[in-house]
Structures are given as C-alpha cells and as structure tokens.
Amino acid sequence: MFGLTNALSGLAKTPRSTQAVAVFCGMLIFFDDYANCLVIGTSMRHIFDAMCISREKLAFVVDATAAPIASLLPVSSWVGFEVGLIDEELQKLREIDGDNLPEGLQGTAFKIFIDSIPYRFYPWFLLFLQFALIFLKRDFGPMLIAERKTHVYKRTDGGDGAFAGAKRLATHNGPAPD
C-alpha cells in the first residue's frame, strides 16, 4: 500500500491534482467497487491529509468514482449480478408469452446489459460531476463546511471526518489492548 501511496504522491502536487489522481486511480480499479474503496481510500488518505483536504471529501471522491465505474464497465463484479437479474426477467417473459420476447429485448441478458450502458444516467452524471467539482474548485452543503474547516485550521489529520483510532489502525495490525 505504501508503494502505491509513494508513487501517487509524485503526481499529487496540489489539492486539485490530488483529487484528480484519486479519481483516475479509482477508474483503474474497476473490477469491484468495494475493493476500489479499500485500496484507493487507504492509499490516498495520507496524501489527502498532507494537502489539507478533508476526509469527507476523500470519502466522496472515492465512493463517487467506485460505484459508477463498476456499474458501467462490463468486467466488474456487478455485471454477474445484474446480468442474472436481467436473465430472470427474460425467463419470466418467455414463460408468459411462449418464448416470444418483446422487440428490443432480443438476445442474451449480457447483450441487454451492454445495450443499457448509454442509458445509465446516474453513473455518467456522477463521473461528470466529479470532474466538474475538481476543476471548478466548487463545494457545497456539508462538504463546503468540512473543506473550509480543514483549510482554515490547516488540518493535516483529516479534519472532523477522521476516525479517532485511524492512526493506531494504520500502524498496528492486531487487536486493540483491553
């Protein structure tokens, strides 16, 4: 993990570039959204802290990249589940109408999944929003408050969103003493 962090820290020179690096790295780990959150969140935490970016912003950047990428690319862990759901419904339609499917639903469940990718508006919008927020340097709502607190006080410990035991967890990989 520290090797990845060291490699990424060379690319992350400003708060804006740090966020962009996190998004691009999130796009590289597309096979599973949970693995994406674990790997990118852990490896980028120290870099975000050094750039005085709140942990709330890190959580948003990581999660808002992980789920959309995993749902758009046909080689992620979501695909098997989604294709299974589509196939179940196709089987129900075949039972009802005797192997005749409505026009537009011809082909396999995987083909229907692939055909649906351009119509997945939420993931496309969220990816666009990520880049817009990063390059326009805009925050709003609770994220704006968290970012301002972190910038005003020059917090390099993650700000209010930092887990109190995170420092101990990062250095100790065993059970906590009683």
C-alpha atoms as a PDB file:
ATOM      1  CA  MET A   1       0.000   0.000   0.000  1.00  0.00           C
ATOM      2  CA  PHE A   2       2.810   2.405   0.848  1.00  0.00           C
ATOM      3  CA  GLY A   3       4.433   1.788  -2.543  1.00  0.00           C
ATOM      4  CA  LEU A   4       1.220   2.892  -4.274  1.00  0.00           C
ATOM      5  CA  THR A   5       0.986   5.901  -1.970  1.00  0.00           C
ATOM      6  CA  ASN A   6       4.583   6.917  -2.735  1.00  0.00           C
ATOM      7  CA  ALA A   7       4.022   6.551  -6.485  1.00  0.00           C
ATOM      8  CA  LEU A   8       0.830   8.628  -6.365  1.00  0.00           C
ATOM      9  CA  SER A   9       2.272  11.350  -4.164  1.00  0.00           C
ATOM     10  CA  GLY A  10       4.587  12.367  -7.015  1.00  0.00           C
ATOM     11  CA  LEU A  11       1.553  13.134  -9.198  1.00  0.00           C
ATOM     12  CA  ALA A  12      -0.435  14.891  -6.478  1.00  0.00           C
ATOM     13  CA  LYS A  13       1.154  18.310  -6.110  1.00  0.00           C
ATOM     14  CA  THR A  14      -1.920  20.474  -5.409  1.00  0.00           C
ATOM     15  CA  PRO A  15      -5.305  19.759  -3.807  1.00  0.00           C
ATOM     16  CA  ARG A  16      -6.889  19.773  -7.270  1.00  0.00           C
ATOM     17  CA  SER A  17      -4.384  17.346  -8.771  1.00  0.00           C
ATOM     18  CA  THR A  18      -4.666  15.137  -5.675  1.00  0.00           C
ATOM     19  CA  GLN A  19      -8.398  14.764  -6.207  1.00  0.00           C
ATOM     20  CA  ALA A  20      -7.918  14.121  -9.919  1.00  0.00           C
ATOM     21  CA  VAL A  21      -5.321  11.430  -9.179  1.00  0.00           C
ATOM     22  CA  ALA A  22      -7.782   9.760  -6.798  1.00  0.00           C
ATOM     23  CA  VAL A  23     -10.498   9.745  -9.494  1.00  0.00           C
ATOM     24  CA  PHE A  24      -8.169   8.353 -12.163  1.00  0.00           C
ATOM     25  CA  CYS A  25      -6.873   5.671  -9.798  1.00  0.00           C
ATOM     26  CA  GLY A  26     -10.471   4.805  -8.980  1.00  0.00           C
ATOM     27  CA  MET A  27     -11.075   4.299 -12.677  1.00  0.00           C
ATOM     28  CA  LEU A  28      -8.166   1.863 -12.864  1.00  0.00           C
ATOM     29  CA  ILE A  29      -9.563  -0.419 -10.161  1.00  0.00           C
ATOM     30  CA  PHE A  30     -12.872  -1.109 -11.855  1.00  0.00           C
ATOM     31  CA  PHE A  31     -13.428  -4.793 -11.113  1.00  0.00           C
ATOM     32  CA  ASP A  32     -15.135  -4.210  -7.748  1.00  0.00           C
ATOM     33  CA  ASP A  33     -16.421  -1.091  -6.046  1.00  0.00           C
ATOM     34  CA  TYR A  34     -15.604  -2.326  -2.532  1.00  0.00           C
ATOM     35  CA  ALA A  35     -12.014  -3.188  -3.441  1.00  0.00           C
ATOM     36  CA  ASN A  36     -11.774   0.213  -5.095  1.00  0.00           C
ATOM     37  CA  CYS A  37     -12.864   1.988  -1.904  1.00  0.00           C
ATOM     38  CA  LEU A  38     -10.463  -0.013   0.238  1.00  0.00           C
ATOM     39  CA  VAL A  39      -7.414   0.367  -1.982  1.00  0.00           C
ATOM     40  CA  ILE A  40      -7.859   3.942  -3.148  1.00  0.00           C
ATOM     41  CA  GLY A  41      -9.236   5.228   0.161  1.00  0.00           C
ATOM     42  CA  THR A  42      -6.374   3.756   2.153  1.00  0.00           C
ATOM     43  CA  SER A  43      -3.641   4.734  -0.273  1.00  0.00           C
ATOM     44  CA  MET A  44      -4.891   8.290  -0.810  1.00  0.00           C
ATOM     45  CA  ARG A  45      -5.698   9.084   2.851  1.00  0.00           C
ATOM     46  CA  HIS A  46      -2.193  10.293   3.733  1.00  0.00           C
ATOM     47  CA  ILE A  47      -1.912  12.304   0.524  1.00  0.00           C
ATOM     48  CA  PHE A  48      -5.283  13.996   1.103  1.00  0.00           C
ATOM     49  CA  ASP A  49      -4.270  14.785   4.690  1.00  0.00           C
ATOM     50  CA  ALA A  50      -0.988  16.322   3.533  1.00  0.00           C
ATOM     51  CA  MET A  51      -2.884  18.541   1.075  1.00  0.00           C
ATOM     52  CA  CYS A  52      -5.366  19.687   3.789  1.00  0.00           C
ATOM     53  CA  ILE A  53      -8.310  18.012   2.075  1.00  0.00           C
ATOM     54  CA  SER A  54     -10.998  16.725   4.426  1.00  0.00           C
ATOM     55  CA  ARG A  55     -11.710  13.040   4.934  1.00  0.00           C
ATOM     56  CA  GLU A  56     -15.284  13.748   3.921  1.00  0.00           C
ATOM     57  CA  LYS A  57     -14.015  14.863   0.524  1.00  0.00           C
ATOM     58  CA  LEU A  58     -11.828  11.755   0.262  1.00  0.00           C
ATOM     59  CA  ALA A  59     -14.823   9.544   1.033  1.00  0.00           C
ATOM     60  CA  PHE A  60     -16.923  11.311  -1.587  1.00  0.00           C
ATOM     61  CA  VAL A  61     -14.245  11.208  -4.285  1.00  0.00           C
ATOM     62  CA  VAL A  62     -13.530   7.517  -3.707  1.00  0.00           C
ATOM     63  CA  ASP A  63     -17.155   6.378  -3.458  1.00  0.00           C
ATOM     64  CA  ALA A  64     -18.434   8.589  -6.264  1.00  0.00           C
ATOM     65  CA  THR A  65     -15.848   7.021  -8.564  1.00  0.00           C
ATOM     66  CA  ALA A  66     -16.021   3.388  -7.407  1.00  0.00           C
ATOM     67  CA  ALA A  67     -19.718   2.643  -7.870  1.00  0.00           C
ATOM     68  CA  PRO A  68     -20.203   4.398 -11.235  1.00  0.00           C
ATOM     69  CA  ILE A  69     -17.134   2.770 -12.771  1.00  0.00           C
ATOM     70  CA  ALA A  70     -18.122  -0.673 -11.500  1.00  0.00           C
ATOM     71  CA  SER A  71     -21.630  -0.267 -12.881  1.00  0.00           C
ATOM     72  CA  LEU A  72     -20.528   0.958 -16.314  1.00  0.00           C
ATOM     73  CA  LEU A  73     -17.755  -1.472 -17.195  1.00  0.00           C
ATOM     74  CA  PRO A  74     -18.794  -4.986 -18.233  1.00  0.00           C
ATOM     75  CA  VAL A  75     -15.902  -6.684 -16.423  1.00  0.00           C
ATOM     76  CA  SER A  76     -16.825  -5.754 -12.860  1.00  0.00           C
ATOM     77  CA  SER A  77     -18.308  -7.804 -10.049  1.00  0.00           C
ATOM     78  CA  TRP A  78     -21.647  -6.060 -10.562  1.00  0.00           C
ATOM     79  CA  VAL A  79     -22.095  -7.499 -14.036  1.00  0.00           C
ATOM     80  CA  GLY A  80     -22.778 -11.061 -12.905  1.00  0.00           C
ATOM     81  CA  PHE A  81     -25.461  -9.902 -10.513  1.00  0.00           C
ATOM     82  CA  GLU A  82     -27.098  -7.517 -12.951  1.00  0.00           C
ATOM     83  CA  VAL A  83     -26.994  -9.984 -15.836  1.00  0.00           C
ATOM     84  CA  GLY A  84     -28.544 -12.575 -13.518  1.00  0.00           C
ATOM     85  CA  LEU A  85     -31.417 -10.205 -12.709  1.00  0.00           C
ATOM     86  CA  ILE A  86     -31.966  -9.419 -16.374  1.00  0.00           C
ATOM     87  CA  ASP A  87     -31.921 -13.125 -17.237  1.00  0.00           C
ATOM     88  CA  GLU A  88     -34.515 -13.917 -14.543  1.00  0.00           C
ATOM     89  CA  GLU A  89     -36.870 -11.338 -16.005  1.00  0.00           C
ATOM     90  CA  LEU A  90     -36.271 -12.594 -19.545  1.00  0.00           C
ATOM     91  CA  GLN A  91     -37.188 -16.116 -18.376  1.00  0.00           C
ATOM     92  CA  LYS A  92     -40.402 -14.785 -16.824  1.00  0.00           C
ATOM     93  CA  LEU A  93     -41.261 -13.028 -20.089  1.00  0.00           C
ATOM     94  CA  ARG A  94     -40.581 -16.235 -22.053  1.00  0.00           C
ATOM     95  CA  GLU A  95     -42.875 -18.208 -19.744  1.00  0.00           C
ATOM     96  CA  ILE A  96     -45.671 -15.684 -20.153  1.00  0.00           C
ATOM     97  CA  ASP A  97     -45.504 -15.346 -23.925  1.00  0.00           C
ATOM     98  CA  GLY A  98     -44.133 -18.724 -25.028  1.00  0.00           C
ATOM     99  CA  ASP A  99     -40.534 -17.919 -25.959  1.00  0.00           C
ATOM    100  CA  ASN A 100     -41.536 -14.690 -27.718  1.00  0.00           C
ATOM    101  CA  LEU A 101     -39.765 -11.675 -26.327  1.00  0.00           C
ATOM    102  CA  PRO A 102     -40.854  -8.096 -26.994  1.00  0.00           C
ATOM    103  CA  GLU A 103     -38.991  -6.247 -29.703  1.00  0.00           C
ATOM    104  CA  GLY A 104     -35.877  -4.635 -28.284  1.00  0.00           C
ATOM    105  CA  LEU A 105     -35.338  -7.429 -25.772  1.00  0.00           C
ATOM    106  CA  GLN A 106     -33.897  -9.891 -28.229  1.00  0.00           C
ATOM    107  CA  GLY A 107     -30.579 -11.519 -27.431  1.00  0.00           C
ATOM    108  CA  THR A 108     -28.850 -12.562 -24.275  1.00  0.00           C
ATOM    109  CA  ALA A 109     -29.031 -10.909 -20.879  1.00  0.00           C
ATOM    110  CA  PHE A 110     -25.408  -9.779 -21.308  1.00  0.00           C
ATOM    111  CA  LYS A 111     -26.240  -8.079 -24.619  1.00  0.00           C
ATOM    112  CA  ILE A 112     -29.141  -6.269 -22.987  1.00  0.00           C
ATOM    113  CA  PHE A 113     -26.804  -5.198 -20.177  1.00  0.00           C
ATOM    114  CA  ILE A 114     -24.286  -3.836 -22.719  1.00  0.00           C
ATOM    115  CA  ASP A 115     -27.065  -2.053 -24.611  1.00  0.00           C
ATOM    116  CA  SER A 116     -28.206  -0.374 -21.372  1.00  0.00           C
ATOM    117  CA  ILE A 117     -24.836   1.265 -20.605  1.00  0.00           C
ATOM    118  CA  PRO A 118     -25.508   4.515 -22.527  1.00  0.00           C
ATOM    119  CA  TYR A 119     -28.792   4.903 -20.591  1.00  0.00           C
ATOM    120  CA  ARG A 120     -27.248   4.636 -17.133  1.00  0.00           C
ATOM    121  CA  PHE A 121     -27.586   8.312 -16.378  1.00  0.00           C
ATOM    122  CA  TYR A 122     -26.637   8.301 -12.690  1.00  0.00           C
ATOM    123  CA  PRO A 123     -23.104   6.891 -13.118  1.00  0.00           C
ATOM    124  CA  TRP A 124     -22.386   9.105 -16.131  1.00  0.00           C
ATOM    125  CA  PHE A 125     -23.653  12.183 -14.281  1.00  0.00           C
ATOM    126  CA  LEU A 126     -21.677  11.360 -11.140  1.00  0.00           C
ATOM    127  CA  LEU A 127     -18.433  10.948 -13.088  1.00  0.00           C
ATOM    128  CA  PHE A 128     -19.074  14.258 -14.856  1.00  0.00           C
ATOM    129  CA  LEU A 129     -19.877  15.891 -11.501  1.00  0.00           C
ATOM    130  CA  GLN A 130     -16.605  14.612 -10.040  1.00  0.00           C
ATOM    131  CA  PHE A 131     -14.531  16.289 -12.738  1.00  0.00           C
ATOM    132  CA  ALA A 132     -16.639  19.459 -12.645  1.00  0.00           C
ATOM    133  CA  LEU A 133     -16.232  19.817  -8.874  1.00  0.00           C
ATOM    134  CA  ILE A 134     -12.499  19.190  -9.074  1.00  0.00           C
ATOM    135  CA  PHE A 135     -11.709  21.513 -11.953  1.00  0.00           C
ATOM    136  CA  LEU A 136     -14.117  24.280 -10.949  1.00  0.00           C
ATOM    137  CA  LYS A 137     -12.929  24.060  -7.318  1.00  0.00           C
ATOM    138  CA  ARG A 138     -16.514  24.073  -6.080  1.00  0.00           C
ATOM    139  CA  ASP A 139     -18.051  22.500  -2.984  1.00  0.00           C
ATOM    140  CA  PHE A 140     -21.474  22.976  -1.470  1.00  0.00           C
ATOM    141  CA  GLY A 141     -23.510  21.971   1.551  1.00  0.00           C
ATOM    142  CA  PRO A 142     -21.825  19.913   4.282  1.00  0.00           C
ATOM    143  CA  MET A 143     -18.822  19.268   2.007  1.00  0.00           C
ATOM    144  CA  LEU A 144     -18.174  23.005   1.792  1.00  0.00           C
ATOM    145  CA  ILE A 145     -18.249  23.289   5.581  1.00  0.00           C
ATOM    146  CA  ALA A 146     -15.877  20.319   6.017  1.00  0.00           C
ATOM    147  CA  GLU A 147     -13.462  21.691   3.423  1.00  0.00           C
ATOM    148  CA  ARG A 148     -13.488  25.179   4.916  1.00  0.00           C
ATOM    149  CA  LYS A 149     -12.788  23.826   8.402  1.00  0.00           C
ATOM    150  CA  THR A 150      -9.888  21.783   7.079  1.00  0.00           C
ATOM    151  CA  HIS A 151      -8.441  24.728   5.105  1.00  0.00           C
ATOM    152  CA  VAL A 152      -8.948  27.397   7.765  1.00  0.00           C
ATOM    153  CA  TYR A 153      -7.293  25.362  10.500  1.00  0.00           C
ATOM    154  CA  LYS A 154      -4.727  23.796   8.117  1.00  0.00           C
ATOM    155  CA  ARG A 155      -5.719  20.365   9.418  1.00  0.00           C
ATOM    156  CA  THR A 156      -3.461  17.578   8.204  1.00  0.00           C
ATOM    157  CA  ASP A 157      -5.138  14.903  10.303  1.00  0.00           C
ATOM    158  CA  GLY A 158      -8.253  14.552   8.168  1.00  0.00           C
ATOM    159  CA  GLY A 159     -10.351  17.148   9.955  1.00  0.00           C
ATOM    160  CA  ASP A 160     -13.594  16.320  11.750  1.00  0.00           C
ATOM    161  CA  GLY A 161     -14.222  13.324   9.492  1.00  0.00           C
ATOM    162  CA  ALA A 162     -11.127  11.491  10.694  1.00  0.00           C
ATOM    163  CA  PHE A 163     -11.725   8.337  12.682  1.00  0.00           C
ATOM    164  CA  ALA A 164     -10.154   8.742  16.140  1.00  0.00           C
ATOM    165  CA  GLY A 165      -8.452   5.344  16.004  1.00  0.00           C
ATOM    166  CA  ALA A 166      -7.218   5.664  12.411  1.00  0.00           C
ATOM    167  CA  LYS A 167      -3.647   6.491  13.392  1.00  0.00           C
ATOM    168  CA  ARG A 168      -3.465   3.418  15.633  1.00  0.00           C
ATOM    169  CA  LEU A 169      -5.028   1.230  12.936  1.00  0.00           C
ATOM    170  CA  ALA A 170      -2.570   2.428  10.318  1.00  0.00           C
ATOM    171  CA  THR A 171       0.428   1.480  12.447  1.00  0.00           C
ATOM    172  CA  HIS A 172      -0.834  -1.564  14.346  1.00  0.00           C
ATOM    173  CA  ASN A 173      -2.386  -4.579  12.692  1.00  0.00           C
ATOM    174  CA  GLY A 174      -3.542  -6.519  15.728  1.00  0.00           C
ATOM    175  CA  PRO A 175      -6.352  -6.430  18.249  1.00  0.00           C
ATOM    176  CA  ALA A 176      -6.605  -3.373  20.469  1.00  0.00           C
ATOM    177  CA  PRO A 177      -5.385  -3.850  24.019  1.00  0.00           C
ATOM    178  CA  ASP A 178      -8.072  -4.251  26.672  1.00  0.00           C
END
